[in-house]
mmCIF file of all heavy atoms, coordinates in Angstrom:
data_MODEL
# 
_entry.id   MODEL 
# 
loop_
_atom_site.group_PDB 
_atom_site.id 
_atom_site.type_symbol 
_atom_site.label_atom_id 
_atom_site.label_alt_id 
_atom_site.label_comp_id 
_atom_site.label_asym_id 
_atom_site.label_entity_id 
_atom_site.label_seq_id 
_atom_site.pdbx_PDB_ins_code 
_atom_site.Cartn_x 
_atom_site.Cartn_y 
_atom_site.Cartn_z 
_atom_site.occupancy 
_atom_site.B_iso_or_equiv 
_atom_site.pdbx_formal_charge 
_atom_site.auth_seq_id 
_atom_site.auth_comp_id 
_atom_site.auth_asym_id 
_atom_site.auth_atom_id 
_atom_site.pdbx_PDB_model_num 
ATOM 1   N N   . PRO A 1 1  ? -5.301 7.264   15.166 1.00 0.00 ? 1  PRO A N   1 
ATOM 2   C CA  . PRO A 1 1  ? -5.863 8.120   14.111 1.00 0.00 ? 1  PRO A CA  1 
ATOM 3   C C   . PRO A 1 1  ? -4.961 8.059   12.873 1.00 0.00 ? 1  PRO A C   1 
ATOM 4   O O   . PRO A 1 1  ? -3.739 8.007   12.994 1.00 0.00 ? 1  PRO A O   1 
ATOM 5   C CB  . PRO A 1 1  ? -5.872 9.515   14.733 1.00 0.00 ? 1  PRO A CB  1 
ATOM 6   C CG  . PRO A 1 1  ? -4.921 9.453   15.887 1.00 0.00 ? 1  PRO A CG  1 
ATOM 7   C CD  . PRO A 1 1  ? -4.853 8.023   16.328 1.00 0.00 ? 1  PRO A CD  1 
ATOM 8   N N   . LEU A 1 2  ? -5.585 8.047   11.722 1.00 0.00 ? 2  LEU A N   1 
ATOM 9   C CA  . LEU A 1 2  ? -4.835 8.000   10.473 1.00 0.00 ? 2  LEU A CA  1 
ATOM 10  C C   . LEU A 1 2  ? -4.760 9.393   9.875  1.00 0.00 ? 2  LEU A C   1 
ATOM 11  O O   . LEU A 1 2  ? -5.762 10.102  9.811  1.00 0.00 ? 2  LEU A O   1 
ATOM 12  C CB  . LEU A 1 2  ? -5.497 7.032   9.488  1.00 0.00 ? 2  LEU A CB  1 
ATOM 13  C CG  . LEU A 1 2  ? -5.551 5.574   9.930  1.00 0.00 ? 2  LEU A CG  1 
ATOM 14  C CD1 . LEU A 1 2  ? -6.359 4.744   8.937  1.00 0.00 ? 2  LEU A CD1 1 
ATOM 15  C CD2 . LEU A 1 2  ? -4.151 4.998   10.083 1.00 0.00 ? 2  LEU A CD2 1 
ATOM 16  N N   . THR A 1 3  ? -3.576 9.778   9.441  1.00 0.00 ? 3  THR A N   1 
ATOM 17  C CA  . THR A 1 3  ? -3.376 11.081  8.804  1.00 0.00 ? 3  THR A CA  1 
ATOM 18  C C   . THR A 1 3  ? -3.706 10.975  7.313  1.00 0.00 ? 3  THR A C   1 
ATOM 19  O O   . THR A 1 3  ? -3.932 9.877   6.791  1.00 0.00 ? 3  THR A O   1 
ATOM 20  C CB  . THR A 1 3  ? -1.916 11.532  8.959  1.00 0.00 ? 3  THR A CB  1 
ATOM 21  O OG1 . THR A 1 3  ? -1.074 10.637  8.223  1.00 0.00 ? 3  THR A OG1 1 
ATOM 22  C CG2 . THR A 1 3  ? -1.484 11.543  10.422 1.00 0.00 ? 3  THR A CG2 1 
ATOM 23  N N   . ALA A 1 4  ? -3.688 12.080  6.630  1.00 0.00 ? 4  ALA A N   1 
ATOM 24  C CA  . ALA A 1 4  ? -3.965 12.089  5.189  1.00 0.00 ? 4  ALA A CA  1 
ATOM 25  C C   . ALA A 1 4  ? -2.957 11.221  4.435  1.00 0.00 ? 4  ALA A C   1 
ATOM 26  O O   . ALA A 1 4  ? -3.305 10.579  3.437  1.00 0.00 ? 4  ALA A O   1 
ATOM 27  C CB  . ALA A 1 4  ? -3.939 13.517  4.668  1.00 0.00 ? 4  ALA A CB  1 
ATOM 28  N N   . LYS A 1 5  ? -1.714 11.167  4.918  1.00 0.00 ? 5  LYS A N   1 
ATOM 29  C CA  . LYS A 1 5  ? -0.687 10.341  4.260  1.00 0.00 ? 5  LYS A CA  1 
ATOM 30  C C   . LYS A 1 5  ? -1.033 8.851   4.309  1.00 0.00 ? 5  LYS A C   1 
ATOM 31  O O   . LYS A 1 5  ? -0.573 8.079   3.475  1.00 0.00 ? 5  LYS A O   1 
ATOM 32  C CB  . LYS A 1 5  ? 0.672  10.585  4.896  1.00 0.00 ? 5  LYS A CB  1 
ATOM 33  C CG  . LYS A 1 5  ? 1.236  11.948  4.613  1.00 0.00 ? 5  LYS A CG  1 
ATOM 34  C CD  . LYS A 1 5  ? 2.661  11.822  4.151  1.00 0.00 ? 5  LYS A CD  1 
ATOM 35  C CE  . LYS A 1 5  ? 3.238  13.169  3.839  1.00 0.00 ? 5  LYS A CE  1 
ATOM 36  N NZ  . LYS A 1 5  ? 3.292  13.436  2.435  1.00 0.00 ? 5  LYS A NZ  1 
ATOM 37  N N   . ALA A 1 6  ? -1.838 8.459   5.278  1.00 0.00 ? 6  ALA A N   1 
ATOM 38  C CA  . ALA A 1 6  ? -2.227 7.055   5.408  1.00 0.00 ? 6  ALA A CA  1 
ATOM 39  C C   . ALA A 1 6  ? -3.053 6.577   4.223  1.00 0.00 ? 6  ALA A C   1 
ATOM 40  O O   . ALA A 1 6  ? -3.151 5.372   3.979  1.00 0.00 ? 6  ALA A O   1 
ATOM 41  C CB  . ALA A 1 6  ? -3.014 6.841   6.696  1.00 0.00 ? 6  ALA A CB  1 
ATOM 42  N N   . PHE A 1 7  ? -3.638 7.506   3.475  1.00 0.00 ? 7  PHE A N   1 
ATOM 43  C CA  . PHE A 1 7  ? -4.489 7.147   2.346  1.00 0.00 ? 7  PHE A CA  1 
ATOM 44  C C   . PHE A 1 7  ? -3.842 7.455   1.002  1.00 0.00 ? 7  PHE A C   1 
ATOM 45  O O   . PHE A 1 7  ? -4.496 7.364   -0.033 1.00 0.00 ? 7  PHE A O   1 
ATOM 46  C CB  . PHE A 1 7  ? -5.837 7.855   2.467  1.00 0.00 ? 7  PHE A CB  1 
ATOM 47  C CG  . PHE A 1 7  ? -6.484 7.642   3.810  1.00 0.00 ? 7  PHE A CG  1 
ATOM 48  C CD1 . PHE A 1 7  ? -6.681 8.710   4.674  1.00 0.00 ? 7  PHE A CD1 1 
ATOM 49  C CD2 . PHE A 1 7  ? -6.842 6.375   4.228  1.00 0.00 ? 7  PHE A CD2 1 
ATOM 50  C CE1 . PHE A 1 7  ? -7.262 8.516   5.916  1.00 0.00 ? 7  PHE A CE1 1 
ATOM 51  C CE2 . PHE A 1 7  ? -7.425 6.171   5.474  1.00 0.00 ? 7  PHE A CE2 1 
ATOM 52  C CZ  . PHE A 1 7  ? -7.633 7.239   6.320  1.00 0.00 ? 7  PHE A CZ  1 
ATOM 53  N N   . GLU A 1 8  ? -2.540 7.807   1.032  1.00 0.00 ? 8  GLU A N   1 
ATOM 54  C CA  . GLU A 1 8  ? -1.785 8.061   -0.200 1.00 0.00 ? 8  GLU A CA  1 
ATOM 55  C C   . GLU A 1 8  ? -0.984 6.815   -0.541 1.00 0.00 ? 8  GLU A C   1 
ATOM 56  O O   . GLU A 1 8  ? -0.112 6.397   0.215  1.00 0.00 ? 8  GLU A O   1 
ATOM 57  C CB  . GLU A 1 8  ? -0.828 9.239   -0.017 1.00 0.00 ? 8  GLU A CB  1 
ATOM 58  C CG  . GLU A 1 8  ? -1.508 10.569  0.150  1.00 0.00 ? 8  GLU A CG  1 
ATOM 59  C CD  . GLU A 1 8  ? -0.515 11.696  0.387  1.00 0.00 ? 8  GLU A CD  1 
ATOM 60  O OE1 . GLU A 1 8  ? 0.664  11.577  -0.045 1.00 0.00 ? 8  GLU A OE1 1 
ATOM 61  O OE2 . GLU A 1 8  ? -0.913 12.686  1.020  1.00 0.00 ? 8  GLU A OE2 1 
ATOM 62  N N   . LEU A 1 9  ? -1.290 6.235   -1.667 1.00 0.00 ? 9  LEU A N   1 
ATOM 63  C CA  . LEU A 1 9  ? -0.611 5.026   -2.122 1.00 0.00 ? 9  LEU A CA  1 
ATOM 64  C C   . LEU A 1 9  ? 0.676  5.412   -2.843 1.00 0.00 ? 9  LEU A C   1 
ATOM 65  O O   . LEU A 1 9  ? 0.658  6.237   -3.752 1.00 0.00 ? 9  LEU A O   1 
ATOM 66  C CB  . LEU A 1 9  ? -1.551 4.275   -3.062 1.00 0.00 ? 9  LEU A CB  1 
ATOM 67  C CG  . LEU A 1 9  ? -1.184 2.875   -3.490 1.00 0.00 ? 9  LEU A CG  1 
ATOM 68  C CD1 . LEU A 1 9  ? -1.086 1.943   -2.282 1.00 0.00 ? 9  LEU A CD1 1 
ATOM 69  C CD2 . LEU A 1 9  ? -2.226 2.351   -4.452 1.00 0.00 ? 9  LEU A CD2 1 
ATOM 70  N N   . THR A 1 10 ? 1.808  4.851   -2.414 1.00 0.00 ? 10 THR A N   1 
ATOM 71  C CA  . THR A 1 10 ? 3.066  5.160   -3.099 1.00 0.00 ? 10 THR A CA  1 
ATOM 72  C C   . THR A 1 10 ? 3.443  4.089   -4.111 1.00 0.00 ? 10 THR A C   1 
ATOM 73  O O   . THR A 1 10 ? 4.044  4.391   -5.124 1.00 0.00 ? 10 THR A O   1 
ATOM 74  C CB  . THR A 1 10 ? 4.230  5.374   -2.106 1.00 0.00 ? 10 THR A CB  1 
ATOM 75  O OG1 . THR A 1 10 ? 4.412  4.202   -1.337 1.00 0.00 ? 10 THR A OG1 1 
ATOM 76  C CG2 . THR A 1 10 ? 3.947  6.546   -1.194 1.00 0.00 ? 10 THR A CG2 1 
ATOM 77  N N   . ARG A 1 11 ? 3.080  2.838   -3.826 1.00 0.00 ? 11 ARG A N   1 
ATOM 78  C CA  . ARG A 1 11 ? 3.303  1.759   -4.798 1.00 0.00 ? 11 ARG A CA  1 
ATOM 79  C C   . ARG A 1 11 ? 2.586  0.497   -4.340 1.00 0.00 ? 11 ARG A C   1 
ATOM 80  O O   . ARG A 1 11 ? 2.118  0.416   -3.209 1.00 0.00 ? 11 ARG A O   1 
ATOM 81  C CB  . ARG A 1 11 ? 4.780  1.479   -5.019 1.00 0.00 ? 11 ARG A CB  1 
ATOM 82  C CG  . ARG A 1 11 ? 5.519  0.934   -3.835 1.00 0.00 ? 11 ARG A CG  1 
ATOM 83  C CD  . ARG A 1 11 ? 7.020  0.859   -4.144 1.00 0.00 ? 11 ARG A CD  1 
ATOM 84  N NE  . ARG A 1 11 ? 7.724  0.554   -2.927 1.00 0.00 ? 11 ARG A NE  1 
ATOM 85  C CZ  . ARG A 1 11 ? 8.550  -0.463  -2.789 1.00 0.00 ? 11 ARG A CZ  1 
ATOM 86  N NH1 . ARG A 1 11 ? 8.784  -1.254  -3.797 1.00 0.00 ? 11 ARG A NH1 1 
ATOM 87  N NH2 . ARG A 1 11 ? 9.152  -0.666  -1.639 1.00 0.00 ? 11 ARG A NH2 1 
ATOM 88  N N   . ILE A 1 12 ? 2.519  -0.461  -5.245 1.00 0.00 ? 12 ILE A N   1 
ATOM 89  C CA  . ILE A 1 12 ? 1.918  -1.759  -4.943 1.00 0.00 ? 12 ILE A CA  1 
ATOM 90  C C   . ILE A 1 12 ? 2.906  -2.832  -5.355 1.00 0.00 ? 12 ILE A C   1 
ATOM 91  O O   . ILE A 1 12 ? 3.419  -2.824  -6.472 1.00 0.00 ? 12 ILE A O   1 
ATOM 92  C CB  . ILE A 1 12 ? 0.599  -1.964  -5.712 1.00 0.00 ? 12 ILE A CB  1 
ATOM 93  C CG1 . ILE A 1 12 ? -0.439 -0.937  -5.269 1.00 0.00 ? 12 ILE A CG1 1 
ATOM 94  C CG2 . ILE A 1 12 ? 0.063  -3.376  -5.507 1.00 0.00 ? 12 ILE A CG2 1 
ATOM 95  C CD1 . ILE A 1 12 ? -1.719 -0.986  -6.053 1.00 0.00 ? 12 ILE A CD1 1 
ATOM 96  N N   . ILE A 1 13 ? 3.169  -3.740  -4.444 1.00 0.00 ? 13 ILE A N   1 
ATOM 97  C CA  . ILE A 1 13 ? 4.069  -4.866  -4.701 1.00 0.00 ? 13 ILE A CA  1 
ATOM 98  C C   . ILE A 1 13 ? 3.214  -6.113  -4.889 1.00 0.00 ? 13 ILE A C   1 
ATOM 99  O O   . ILE A 1 13 ? 2.308  -6.370  -4.094 1.00 0.00 ? 13 ILE A O   1 
ATOM 100 C CB  . ILE A 1 13 ? 5.032  -5.069  -3.511 1.00 0.00 ? 13 ILE A CB  1 
ATOM 101 C CG1 . ILE A 1 13 ? 5.859  -3.808  -3.277 1.00 0.00 ? 13 ILE A CG1 1 
ATOM 102 C CG2 . ILE A 1 13 ? 5.918  -6.291  -3.730 1.00 0.00 ? 13 ILE A CG2 1 
ATOM 103 C CD1 . ILE A 1 13 ? 6.582  -3.772  -1.940 1.00 0.00 ? 13 ILE A CD1 1 
ATOM 104 N N   . THR A 1 14 ? 3.492  -6.879  -5.932 1.00 0.00 ? 14 THR A N   1 
ATOM 105 C CA  . THR A 1 14 ? 2.813  -8.166  -6.115 1.00 0.00 ? 14 THR A CA  1 
ATOM 106 C C   . THR A 1 14 ? 3.572  -9.208  -5.314 1.00 0.00 ? 14 THR A C   1 
ATOM 107 O O   . THR A 1 14 ? 4.797  -9.294  -5.396 1.00 0.00 ? 14 THR A O   1 
ATOM 108 C CB  . THR A 1 14 ? 2.774  -8.559  -7.602 1.00 0.00 ? 14 THR A CB  1 
ATOM 109 O OG1 . THR A 1 14 ? 2.094  -7.530  -8.322 1.00 0.00 ? 14 THR A OG1 1 
ATOM 110 C CG2 . THR A 1 14 ? 2.049  -9.880  -7.799 1.00 0.00 ? 14 THR A CG2 1 
ATOM 111 N N   . VAL A 1 15 ? 2.847  -9.984  -4.523 1.00 0.00 ? 15 VAL A N   1 
ATOM 112 C CA  . VAL A 1 15 ? 3.447  -11.012 -3.669 1.00 0.00 ? 15 VAL A CA  1 
ATOM 113 C C   . VAL A 1 15 ? 3.081  -12.374 -4.254 1.00 0.00 ? 15 VAL A C   1 
ATOM 114 O O   . VAL A 1 15 ? 1.912  -12.776 -4.217 1.00 0.00 ? 15 VAL A O   1 
ATOM 115 C CB  . VAL A 1 15 ? 2.945  -10.891 -2.216 1.00 0.00 ? 15 VAL A CB  1 
ATOM 116 C CG1 . VAL A 1 15 ? 3.564  -11.972 -1.347 1.00 0.00 ? 15 VAL A CG1 1 
ATOM 117 C CG2 . VAL A 1 15 ? 3.244  -9.511  -1.654 1.00 0.00 ? 15 VAL A CG2 1 
ATOM 118 N N   . GLY A 1 16 ? 4.095  -13.050 -4.798 1.00 0.00 ? 16 GLY A N   1 
ATOM 119 C CA  . GLY A 1 16 ? 3.838  -14.346 -5.419 1.00 0.00 ? 16 GLY A CA  1 
ATOM 120 C C   . GLY A 1 16 ? 2.730  -14.232 -6.443 1.00 0.00 ? 16 GLY A C   1 
ATOM 121 O O   . GLY A 1 16 ? 2.589  -13.240 -7.123 1.00 0.00 ? 16 GLY A O   1 
ATOM 122 N N   . GLY A 1 17 ? 1.918  -15.257 -6.519 1.00 0.00 ? 17 GLY A N   1 
ATOM 123 C CA  . GLY A 1 17 ? 0.783  -15.240 -7.432 1.00 0.00 ? 17 GLY A CA  1 
ATOM 124 C C   . GLY A 1 17 ? -0.516 -15.191 -6.681 1.00 0.00 ? 17 GLY A C   1 
ATOM 125 O O   . GLY A 1 17 ? -1.540 -15.666 -7.173 1.00 0.00 ? 17 GLY A O   1 
ATOM 126 N N   . TYR A 1 18 ? -0.501 -14.575 -5.469 1.00 0.00 ? 18 TYR A N   1 
ATOM 127 C CA  . TYR A 1 18 ? -1.701 -14.656 -4.646 1.00 0.00 ? 18 TYR A CA  1 
ATOM 128 C C   . TYR A 1 18 ? -2.100 -13.362 -3.940 1.00 0.00 ? 18 TYR A C   1 
ATOM 129 O O   . TYR A 1 18 ? -3.196 -13.287 -3.381 1.00 0.00 ? 18 TYR A O   1 
ATOM 130 C CB  . TYR A 1 18 ? -1.544 -15.748 -3.589 1.00 0.00 ? 18 TYR A CB  1 
ATOM 131 C CG  . TYR A 1 18 ? -0.551 -15.432 -2.508 1.00 0.00 ? 18 TYR A CG  1 
ATOM 132 C CD1 . TYR A 1 18 ? -0.961 -14.865 -1.314 1.00 0.00 ? 18 TYR A CD1 1 
ATOM 133 C CD2 . TYR A 1 18 ? 0.802  -15.675 -2.689 1.00 0.00 ? 18 TYR A CD2 1 
ATOM 134 C CE1 . TYR A 1 18 ? -0.040 -14.561 -0.311 1.00 0.00 ? 18 TYR A CE1 1 
ATOM 135 C CE2 . TYR A 1 18 ? 1.719  -15.384 -1.701 1.00 0.00 ? 18 TYR A CE2 1 
ATOM 136 C CZ  . TYR A 1 18 ? 1.287  -14.826 -0.519 1.00 0.00 ? 18 TYR A CZ  1 
ATOM 137 O OH  . TYR A 1 18 ? 2.197  -14.523 0.461  1.00 0.00 ? 18 TYR A OH  1 
ATOM 138 N N   . ALA A 1 19 ? -1.261 -12.330 -3.919 1.00 0.00 ? 19 ALA A N   1 
ATOM 139 C CA  . ALA A 1 19 ? -1.593 -11.151 -3.116 1.00 0.00 ? 19 ALA A CA  1 
ATOM 140 C C   . ALA A 1 19 ? -0.896 -9.902  -3.638 1.00 0.00 ? 19 ALA A C   1 
ATOM 141 O O   . ALA A 1 19 ? 0.038  -9.970  -4.428 1.00 0.00 ? 19 ALA A O   1 
ATOM 142 C CB  . ALA A 1 19 ? -1.182 -11.381 -1.654 1.00 0.00 ? 19 ALA A CB  1 
ATOM 143 N N   . ILE A 1 20 ? -1.379 -8.763  -3.120 1.00 0.00 ? 20 ILE A N   1 
ATOM 144 C CA  . ILE A 1 20 ? -0.693 -7.490  -3.320 1.00 0.00 ? 20 ILE A CA  1 
ATOM 145 C C   . ILE A 1 20 ? -0.344 -6.924  -1.949 1.00 0.00 ? 20 ILE A C   1 
ATOM 146 O O   . ILE A 1 20 ? -0.969 -7.256  -0.944 1.00 0.00 ? 20 ILE A O   1 
ATOM 147 C CB  . ILE A 1 20 ? -1.534 -6.464  -4.114 1.00 0.00 ? 20 ILE A CB  1 
ATOM 148 C CG1 . ILE A 1 20 ? -2.808 -6.082  -3.344 1.00 0.00 ? 20 ILE A CG1 1 
ATOM 149 C CG2 . ILE A 1 20 ? -1.815 -6.951  -5.517 1.00 0.00 ? 20 ILE A CG2 1 
ATOM 150 C CD1 . ILE A 1 20 ? -3.503 -4.841  -3.874 1.00 0.00 ? 20 ILE A CD1 1 
ATOM 151 N N   . GLN A 1 21 ? 0.684  -6.075  -1.942 1.00 0.00 ? 21 GLN A N   1 
ATOM 152 C CA  . GLN A 1 21 ? 1.126  -5.416  -0.717 1.00 0.00 ? 21 GLN A CA  1 
ATOM 153 C C   . GLN A 1 21 ? 1.217  -3.916  -1.001 1.00 0.00 ? 21 GLN A C   1 
ATOM 154 O O   . GLN A 1 21 ? 2.191  -3.447  -1.572 1.00 0.00 ? 21 GLN A O   1 
ATOM 155 C CB  . GLN A 1 21 ? 2.481  -5.967  -0.287 1.00 0.00 ? 21 GLN A CB  1 
ATOM 156 C CG  . GLN A 1 21 ? 3.017  -5.378  0.984  1.00 0.00 ? 21 GLN A CG  1 
ATOM 157 C CD  . GLN A 1 21 ? 4.363  -5.995  1.358  1.00 0.00 ? 21 GLN A CD  1 
ATOM 158 O OE1 . GLN A 1 21 ? 4.979  -6.707  0.574  1.00 0.00 ? 21 GLN A OE1 1 
ATOM 159 N NE2 . GLN A 1 21 ? 4.791  -5.720  2.557  1.00 0.00 ? 21 GLN A NE2 1 
ATOM 160 N N   . PRO A 1 22 ? 0.191  -3.157  -0.607 1.00 0.00 ? 22 PRO A N   1 
ATOM 161 C CA  . PRO A 1 22 ? 0.262  -1.708  -0.811 1.00 0.00 ? 22 PRO A CA  1 
ATOM 162 C C   . PRO A 1 22 ? 1.301  -1.065  0.114  1.00 0.00 ? 22 PRO A C   1 
ATOM 163 O O   . PRO A 1 22 ? 1.470  -1.492  1.257  1.00 0.00 ? 22 PRO A O   1 
ATOM 164 C CB  . PRO A 1 22 ? -1.138 -1.212  -0.438 1.00 0.00 ? 22 PRO A CB  1 
ATOM 165 C CG  . PRO A 1 22 ? -2.005 -2.424  -0.403 1.00 0.00 ? 22 PRO A CG  1 
ATOM 166 C CD  . PRO A 1 22 ? -1.104 -3.562  -0.080 1.00 0.00 ? 22 PRO A CD  1 
ATOM 167 N N   . VAL A 1 23 ? 1.968  -0.059  -0.397 1.00 0.00 ? 23 VAL A N   1 
ATOM 168 C CA  . VAL A 1 23 ? 2.898  0.740   0.402  1.00 0.00 ? 23 VAL A CA  1 
ATOM 169 C C   . VAL A 1 23 ? 2.298  2.143   0.465  1.00 0.00 ? 23 VAL A C   1 
ATOM 170 O O   . VAL A 1 23 ? 2.047  2.764   -0.569 1.00 0.00 ? 23 VAL A O   1 
ATOM 171 C CB  . VAL A 1 23 ? 4.309  0.767   -0.229 1.00 0.00 ? 23 VAL A CB  1 
ATOM 172 C CG1 . VAL A 1 23 ? 5.238  1.649   0.579  1.00 0.00 ? 23 VAL A CG1 1 
ATOM 173 C CG2 . VAL A 1 23 ? 4.863  -0.648  -0.366 1.00 0.00 ? 23 VAL A CG2 1 
ATOM 174 N N   . TRP A 1 24 ? 2.051  2.605   1.689  1.00 0.00 ? 24 TRP A N   1 
ATOM 175 C CA  . TRP A 1 24 ? 1.381  3.874   1.914  1.00 0.00 ? 24 TRP A CA  1 
ATOM 176 C C   . TRP A 1 24 ? 2.385  4.964   2.259  1.00 0.00 ? 24 TRP A C   1 
ATOM 177 O O   . TRP A 1 24 ? 3.473  4.685   2.771  1.00 0.00 ? 24 TRP A O   1 
ATOM 178 C CB  . TRP A 1 24 ? 0.354  3.716   3.037  1.00 0.00 ? 24 TRP A CB  1 
ATOM 179 C CG  . TRP A 1 24 ? -0.661 2.658   2.722  1.00 0.00 ? 24 TRP A CG  1 
ATOM 180 C CD1 . TRP A 1 24 ? -0.645 1.359   3.141  1.00 0.00 ? 24 TRP A CD1 1 
ATOM 181 C CD2 . TRP A 1 24 ? -1.808 2.776   1.892  1.00 0.00 ? 24 TRP A CD2 1 
ATOM 182 N NE1 . TRP A 1 24 ? -1.718 0.673   2.634  1.00 0.00 ? 24 TRP A NE1 1 
ATOM 183 C CE2 . TRP A 1 24 ? -2.456 1.517   1.859  1.00 0.00 ? 24 TRP A CE2 1 
ATOM 184 C CE3 . TRP A 1 24 ? -2.378 3.828   1.174  1.00 0.00 ? 24 TRP A CE3 1 
ATOM 185 C CZ2 . TRP A 1 24 ? -3.630 1.293   1.140  1.00 0.00 ? 24 TRP A CZ2 1 
ATOM 186 C CZ3 . TRP A 1 24 ? -3.544 3.598   0.458  1.00 0.00 ? 24 TRP A CZ3 1 
ATOM 187 C CH2 . TRP A 1 24 ? -4.156 2.343   0.455  1.00 0.00 ? 24 TRP A CH2 1 
ATOM 188 N N   . ALA A 1 25 ? 2.025  6.214   1.998  1.00 0.00 ? 25 ALA A N   1 
ATOM 189 C CA  . ALA A 1 25 ? 2.923  7.358   2.202  1.00 0.00 ? 25 ALA A CA  1 
ATOM 190 C C   . ALA A 1 25 ? 3.315  7.561   3.659  1.00 0.00 ? 25 ALA A C   1 
ATOM 191 O O   . ALA A 1 25 ? 4.337  8.186   3.937  1.00 0.00 ? 25 ALA A O   1 
ATOM 192 C CB  . ALA A 1 25 ? 2.296  8.635   1.646  1.00 0.00 ? 25 ALA A CB  1 
# 
């Protein structure tokens, strides 16, 4: 089960020139 914190975005990291990596609370 995912808690409310699972849907809180704390930051986004750009990975190379091809992807993003979201960091969740």
